[in-house]
Amino acid sequence: MTQASLKTENLSSTNLRLKKRLMRGIGQAIADYNMIEAGDVVMVCCSGGKDSFALLRLLMEMRERAPVDFRIIAMNLDQRQPGFPAEVLPAYFESIGVEYRIVTEDTYSIVREKIPEGKTTCSLCSRLRRGIIYRTASELGVTKIALGHHREDMMETLLLNMFFGGKLKAMPPKLRSDDGKHVVIRPLVYCAEKEIAKYARAMEFPIIPCSLCGSQETAQRKQIKALLSEWEVAHPGRVESIATAIRNVVPSHLADGGLFDFRSLTSKTMIGEEETAFDPPVIGSLPTPVSGIMPIQWLKNDDVSDENPWSRP
């Protein structure tokens, strides 16, 4: 199947501006992390949720004006969950003219057999799903696997690992797959979940709720979500500041000897100018740019002059 031009969207001026902001965020992420290159075959994993629907639709539109040529394949894993509307995604993919692959694997029965009733199924389900995704990517000659994780997913993972795992670890925008054969990308890492949700409602995507794992958020993740929501209301700008901090790391001001050689540090050791002993307190503002990294403020600005060829709407 060849990829056809997208149908005309009946979006209001407000939602068109919203789409422009999301496309700018995706374009900036692609450029910052070199996510998509000429000749890439990008497999967009579509669960039927708002994030993957938005990623697929926006990437398809951006492809038509991108600075490089690449191919898109939509992929859905039908896990044989009871009541799963198997006809919804193929019909949608056909309607927008995207090449696609539906993979049917009864992981639902495996998870139910292995996990006791009432226990969270996410860990096993994720492992099974990853293996199938990697296998499918190999079969299709895929060079990049695109997932729909957004800004809040990255921050929630950071705080979860800090509070409950004892690690300063988030969700990378680009990584090598577990099997070492593929590159996984997350083009939505600069996009806010609430804006993706608004766009999904405006586009009237045929959202499919997940009864197996999507409704089984852990108590810890729920706490983190609630915490971020409270901060967003009580302290506007704090969430954006955290998102900026994830890509603005100063290893010499942490305590990991694997990232910075503290043992060999002497008074004559030369380090970056920004790594001062005592930083002045900054209250009520975003962090000072370091090494050319700017806080991601343009997500709320529709009139930004952008020279990045990926992020021009």
Protein backbone atom coordinates (compact mmCIF):
# COMPACT_ATOMS: atom_id res chain seq x y z
CA MET A 1 0.00 0.00 0.00
CA THR A 2 1.32 3.46 -0.81
CA GLN A 3 0.94 6.34 1.60
CA ALA A 4 -1.76 8.68 0.39
CA SER A 5 -2.19 12.33 1.19
CA LEU A 6 -4.02 12.99 4.43
CA LYS A 7 -7.62 14.03 4.28
CA THR A 8 -8.50 17.63 4.97
CA GLU A 9 -8.99 18.27 8.69
CA ASN A 10 -11.88 20.35 9.96
CA LEU A 11 -10.07 21.95 12.88
CA SER A 12 -10.87 25.27 14.49
CA SER A 13 -8.24 28.01 14.50
CA THR A 14 -7.51 27.19 18.15
CA ASN A 15 -6.92 23.52 17.39
CA LEU A 16 -4.83 24.38 14.34
CA ARG A 17 -2.55 26.41 16.63
CA LEU A 18 -2.48 23.46 19.01
CA LYS A 19 -1.44 21.14 16.18
CA LYS A 20 1.26 23.60 15.17
CA ARG A 21 2.69 23.58 18.72
CA LEU A 22 2.76 19.80 18.80
CA MET A 23 4.44 19.59 15.40
CA ARG A 24 7.00 22.15 16.53
CA GLY A 25 7.74 20.06 19.61
CA ILE A 26 8.11 16.87 17.58
CA GLY A 27 10.30 18.63 15.04
CA GLN A 28 12.55 20.04 17.74
CA ALA A 29 12.98 16.62 19.34
CA ILE A 30 13.76 14.98 15.99
CA ALA A 31 16.40 17.61 15.27
CA ASP A 32 17.91 17.67 18.77
CA TYR A 33 18.43 13.90 18.92
CA ASN A 34 18.78 13.06 15.22
CA MET A 35 15.81 10.72 15.53
CA ILE A 36 14.95 10.35 11.84
CA GLU A 37 17.44 10.25 8.96
CA ALA A 38 17.17 9.96 5.20
CA GLY A 39 15.94 6.55 4.11
CA ASP A 40 14.70 5.50 7.55
CA VAL A 41 11.83 3.06 7.90
CA VAL A 42 9.95 4.28 10.97
CA MET A 43 7.55 1.86 12.64
CA VAL A 44 5.04 3.76 14.78
CA CYS A 45 3.70 1.49 17.50
CA CYS A 46 -0.03 2.16 17.82
CA SER A 47 -1.86 0.87 20.87
CA GLY A 48 -5.11 2.64 20.13
CA GLY A 49 -4.44 5.30 22.77
CA LYS A 50 -4.40 9.06 22.30
CA ASP A 51 -0.61 9.40 22.28
CA SER A 52 0.16 6.89 19.53
CA PHE A 53 -2.75 8.15 17.41
CA ALA A 54 -1.41 11.70 17.69
CA LEU A 55 2.17 10.66 16.95
CA LEU A 56 1.18 8.71 13.85
CA ARG A 57 -1.03 11.44 12.42
CA LEU A 58 1.43 14.26 13.07
CA LEU A 59 4.43 12.31 11.77
CA MET A 60 2.54 11.52 8.57
CA GLU A 61 1.79 15.18 8.01
CA MET A 62 5.35 16.22 8.83
CA ARG A 63 6.70 13.63 6.42
CA GLU A 64 5.15 15.49 3.51
CA ARG A 65 7.35 18.54 4.20
CA ALA A 66 10.30 16.98 6.06
CA PRO A 67 13.90 17.79 5.01
CA VAL A 68 14.57 14.06 4.45
CA ASP A 69 12.57 11.24 2.91
CA PHE A 70 11.49 8.38 5.18
CA ARG A 71 8.87 5.68 5.25
CA ILE A 72 6.20 5.16 7.92
CA ILE A 73 4.65 1.85 8.93
CA ALA A 74 1.95 1.76 11.61
CA MET A 75 2.08 -1.35 13.77
CA ASN A 76 -0.49 -2.66 16.23
CA LEU A 77 -0.21 -5.70 18.48
CA ASP A 78 -3.56 -7.43 18.99
CA GLN A 79 -3.01 -9.21 22.32
CA ARG A 80 -6.33 -11.08 22.15
CA GLN A 81 -7.85 -9.19 25.03
CA PRO A 82 -11.53 -10.01 25.52
CA GLY A 83 -13.68 -7.43 23.82
CA PHE A 84 -10.81 -5.82 21.90
CA PRO A 85 -12.30 -4.21 18.75
CA ALA A 86 -9.85 -5.72 16.25
CA GLU A 87 -11.46 -3.94 13.29
CA VAL A 88 -10.96 -0.36 14.58
CA LEU A 89 -7.27 0.19 13.90
CA PRO A 90 -7.09 -1.46 10.45
CA ALA A 91 -10.08 0.65 9.38
CA TYR A 92 -8.44 3.81 10.68
CA PHE A 93 -5.10 3.02 9.02
CA GLU A 94 -6.90 2.42 5.74
CA SER A 95 -8.77 5.71 6.07
CA ILE A 96 -5.57 7.78 6.36
CA GLY A 97 -3.64 5.80 3.76
CA VAL A 98 -0.76 4.58 5.92
CA GLU A 99 1.09 1.31 5.41
CA TYR A 100 0.45 -0.93 8.40
CA ARG A 101 0.99 -4.30 10.02
CA ILE A 102 -1.36 -5.93 12.52
CA VAL A 103 0.34 -8.60 14.62
CA THR A 104 -1.87 -11.03 16.54
CA GLU A 105 -0.35 -12.77 19.56
CA ASP A 106 -2.31 -14.15 22.52
CA THR A 107 -0.20 -12.54 25.23
CA TYR A 108 -3.36 -11.95 27.26
CA SER A 109 -3.70 -15.66 28.12
CA ILE A 110 -0.01 -15.91 28.99
CA VAL A 111 -0.20 -12.95 31.35
CA ARG A 112 -3.37 -14.22 33.02
CA GLU A 113 -1.82 -17.64 33.46
CA LYS A 114 1.42 -16.36 34.98
CA ILE A 115 0.21 -13.41 37.10
CA PRO A 116 -2.04 -14.05 40.13
CA GLU A 117 -5.43 -12.33 40.17
CA GLY A 118 -5.21 -8.80 41.53
CA LYS A 119 -1.49 -8.39 40.81
CA THR A 120 -0.16 -5.85 38.32
CA THR A 121 0.38 -7.37 34.88
CA CYS A 122 2.44 -4.50 33.44
CA SER A 123 5.94 -5.95 33.82
CA LEU A 124 5.31 -9.27 32.08
CA CYS A 125 3.03 -7.73 29.49
CA SER A 126 5.69 -5.16 28.60
CA ARG A 127 8.40 -7.80 28.19
CA LEU A 128 6.23 -9.89 25.91
CA ARG A 129 5.18 -6.85 23.91
CA ARG A 130 8.75 -5.62 23.45
CA GLY A 131 9.88 -8.98 22.12
CA ILE A 132 7.10 -9.04 19.54
CA ILE A 133 7.76 -5.43 18.51
CA TYR A 134 11.47 -6.13 17.97
CA ARG A 135 10.74 -9.27 15.99
CA THR A 136 8.24 -7.43 13.79
CA ALA A 137 10.70 -4.58 13.24
CA SER A 138 13.28 -7.09 11.99
CA GLU A 139 10.77 -8.72 9.66
CA LEU A 140 9.82 -5.35 8.14
CA GLY A 141 13.33 -3.96 7.81
CA VAL A 142 12.57 -1.18 10.26
CA THR A 143 15.39 1.19 11.24
CA LYS A 144 13.56 3.24 13.91
CA ILE A 145 10.82 2.17 16.32
CA ALA A 146 8.70 5.18 17.36
CA LEU A 147 6.85 5.13 20.69
CA GLY A 148 4.27 7.62 21.92
CA HIS A 149 5.74 8.55 25.31
CA HIS A 150 5.40 12.26 26.06
CA ARG A 151 6.92 14.87 28.39
CA GLU A 152 4.99 13.79 31.47
CA ASP A 153 5.92 10.13 30.94
CA MET A 154 9.58 11.16 31.05
CA MET A 155 9.16 13.23 34.22
CA GLU A 156 7.05 10.62 35.98
CA THR A 157 9.72 8.02 35.28
CA LEU A 158 12.42 10.33 36.64
CA LEU A 159 10.54 10.96 39.89
CA LEU A 160 9.51 7.31 40.26
CA ASN A 161 13.14 6.20 40.00
CA MET A 162 14.26 8.91 42.44
CA PHE A 163 11.55 8.33 45.06
CA PHE A 164 11.14 4.56 44.83
CA GLY A 165 14.16 3.17 42.97
CA GLY A 166 17.13 5.14 44.26
CA LYS A 167 18.25 6.09 40.74
CA LEU A 168 18.57 9.35 38.86
CA LYS A 169 17.11 7.87 35.69
CA ALA A 170 14.38 9.02 33.35
CA MET A 171 13.07 7.87 29.96
CA PRO A 172 15.51 8.64 27.12
CA PRO A 173 14.31 10.27 23.90
CA LYS A 174 16.40 7.83 21.88
CA LEU A 175 17.97 4.50 22.82
CA ARG A 176 19.23 1.20 21.51
CA SER A 177 16.65 -1.56 21.86
CA ASP A 178 17.04 -4.36 24.41
CA ASP A 179 18.07 -6.81 21.70
CA GLY A 180 20.73 -4.41 20.41
CA LYS A 181 19.37 -4.51 16.86
CA HIS A 182 17.13 -1.43 16.70
CA VAL A 183 16.91 2.23 17.67
CA VAL A 184 13.86 3.34 19.64
CA ILE A 185 12.74 6.97 19.42
CA ARG A 186 10.21 9.05 21.35
CA PRO A 187 9.34 12.10 19.22
CA LEU A 188 6.71 13.38 21.71
CA VAL A 189 9.17 13.96 24.59
CA TYR A 190 8.80 17.75 24.32
CA CYS A 191 4.98 17.60 24.06
CA ALA A 192 2.70 18.08 27.04
CA GLU A 193 0.17 15.32 27.71
CA LYS A 194 -2.72 17.77 28.15
CA GLU A 195 -2.08 19.24 24.70
CA ILE A 196 -1.92 15.78 23.14
CA ALA A 197 -5.24 14.96 24.81
CA LYS A 198 -6.83 18.15 23.45
CA TYR A 199 -5.58 17.35 19.95
CA ALA A 200 -6.86 13.77 20.18
CA ARG A 201 -10.33 15.02 21.16
CA ALA A 202 -10.32 17.55 18.33
CA MET A 203 -9.34 14.85 15.83
CA GLU A 204 -11.91 12.41 17.24
CA PHE A 205 -9.50 9.48 17.13
CA PRO A 206 -11.20 6.09 17.72
CA ILE A 207 -9.56 5.60 21.11
CA ILE A 208 -9.42 2.00 22.38
CA PRO A 209 -9.28 1.66 26.19
CA CYS A 210 -6.86 -0.96 27.50
CA SER A 211 -8.47 -3.26 30.05
CA LEU A 212 -5.40 -5.44 30.57
CA CYS A 213 -2.70 -3.01 31.69
CA GLY A 214 -3.70 0.55 30.75
CA SER A 215 -6.00 0.85 33.76
CA GLN A 216 -3.53 -0.72 36.18
CA GLU A 217 -1.32 2.19 37.05
CA THR A 218 0.69 1.49 40.18
CA ALA A 219 -0.02 3.38 43.38
CA GLN A 220 3.40 5.02 43.07
CA ARG A 221 2.77 6.29 39.52
CA LYS A 222 -0.63 7.64 40.58
CA GLN A 223 1.09 9.53 43.40
CA ILE A 224 3.62 11.03 41.01
CA LYS A 225 0.89 12.02 38.52
CA ALA A 226 -1.05 13.73 41.30
CA LEU A 227 2.10 15.50 42.52
CA LEU A 228 2.91 16.87 39.06
CA SER A 229 -0.70 18.00 38.61
CA GLU A 230 -0.62 19.84 41.94
CA TRP A 231 2.65 21.55 41.02
CA GLU A 232 1.27 22.59 37.64
CA VAL A 233 -1.62 24.38 39.35
CA ALA A 234 0.17 25.78 42.42
CA HIS A 235 3.50 26.61 40.78
CA PRO A 236 3.13 27.38 37.05
CA GLY A 237 6.39 26.73 35.22
CA ARG A 238 7.68 24.07 37.61
CA VAL A 239 6.83 21.20 35.27
CA GLU A 240 8.61 22.95 32.37
CA SER A 241 11.60 23.50 34.64
CA ILE A 242 11.80 19.80 35.49
CA ALA A 243 11.58 18.92 31.80
CA THR A 244 14.45 21.30 31.09
CA ALA A 245 16.53 19.93 33.98
CA ILE A 246 16.44 16.41 32.52
CA ARG A 247 18.52 17.64 29.58
CA ASN A 248 20.63 20.09 31.57
CA VAL A 249 22.80 17.81 33.73
CA VAL A 250 25.97 18.87 35.58
CA PRO A 251 27.75 15.58 36.51
CA SER A 252 30.31 17.27 38.80
CA HIS A 253 27.45 18.47 41.02
CA LEU A 254 26.03 15.02 41.57
CA ALA A 255 27.83 12.17 43.36
CA ASP A 256 28.26 9.43 40.76
CA GLY A 257 31.92 8.55 40.39
CA GLY A 258 31.16 6.82 37.12
CA LEU A 259 30.07 10.14 35.57
CA PHE A 260 32.71 12.39 37.11
CA ASP A 261 36.17 11.47 38.39
CA PHE A 262 35.96 12.85 41.93
CA ARG A 263 38.91 10.74 43.14
CA SER A 264 41.31 12.51 40.79
CA LEU A 265 39.88 15.98 41.40
CA THR A 266 42.41 18.53 42.66
CA SER A 267 42.55 22.31 42.90
CA LYS A 268 44.14 22.33 39.45
CA THR A 269 41.44 20.25 37.73
CA MET A 270 39.80 22.18 34.91
CA ILE A 271 36.03 21.84 34.68
CA GLY A 272 33.32 23.71 32.81
CA GLU A 273 32.67 27.34 33.60
CA GLU A 274 29.10 26.58 34.61
CA GLU A 275 30.23 24.14 37.31
CA THR A 276 30.77 26.69 40.07
CA ALA A 277 31.01 25.69 43.72
CA PHE A 278 28.11 27.85 44.90
CA ASP A 279 25.31 28.63 42.46
CA PRO A 280 23.25 31.73 43.29
CA PRO A 281 19.66 30.85 44.26
CA VAL A 282 17.13 31.28 41.49
CA ILE A 283 13.58 31.50 42.81
CA GLY A 284 10.45 31.70 40.72
CA SER A 285 12.14 31.41 37.32
CA LEU A 286 13.38 28.81 34.88
CA PRO A 287 17.03 27.71 35.15
CA THR A 288 19.75 29.73 33.43
CA PRO A 289 20.65 28.21 30.04
CA VAL A 290 23.77 26.04 30.18
CA SER A 291 25.87 24.89 27.22
CA GLY A 292 23.41 26.35 24.73
CA ILE A 293 20.40 24.52 26.21
CA MET A 294 17.32 26.70 26.49
CA PRO A 295 14.25 25.99 28.61
CA ILE A 296 11.46 24.61 26.48
CA GLN A 297 9.21 27.66 26.58
CA TRP A 298 8.19 27.80 22.92
CA LEU A 299 5.58 25.08 23.38
CA LYS A 300 3.14 27.77 24.51
CA ASN A 301 4.09 30.32 21.86
CA ASP A 302 2.45 30.13 18.46
CA ASP A 303 4.52 32.90 16.89
CA VAL A 304 8.07 31.57 17.34
CA SER A 305 10.44 32.14 14.41
CA ASP A 306 12.00 28.70 13.97
CA GLU A 307 14.87 27.89 11.62
CA ASN A 308 14.72 24.16 12.35
CA PRO A 309 13.48 22.53 9.09
CA TRP A 310 11.87 19.74 11.08
CA SER A 311 9.72 21.98 13.23
CA ARG A 312 8.34 24.41 10.67
CA PRO A 313 4.55 23.91 10.65
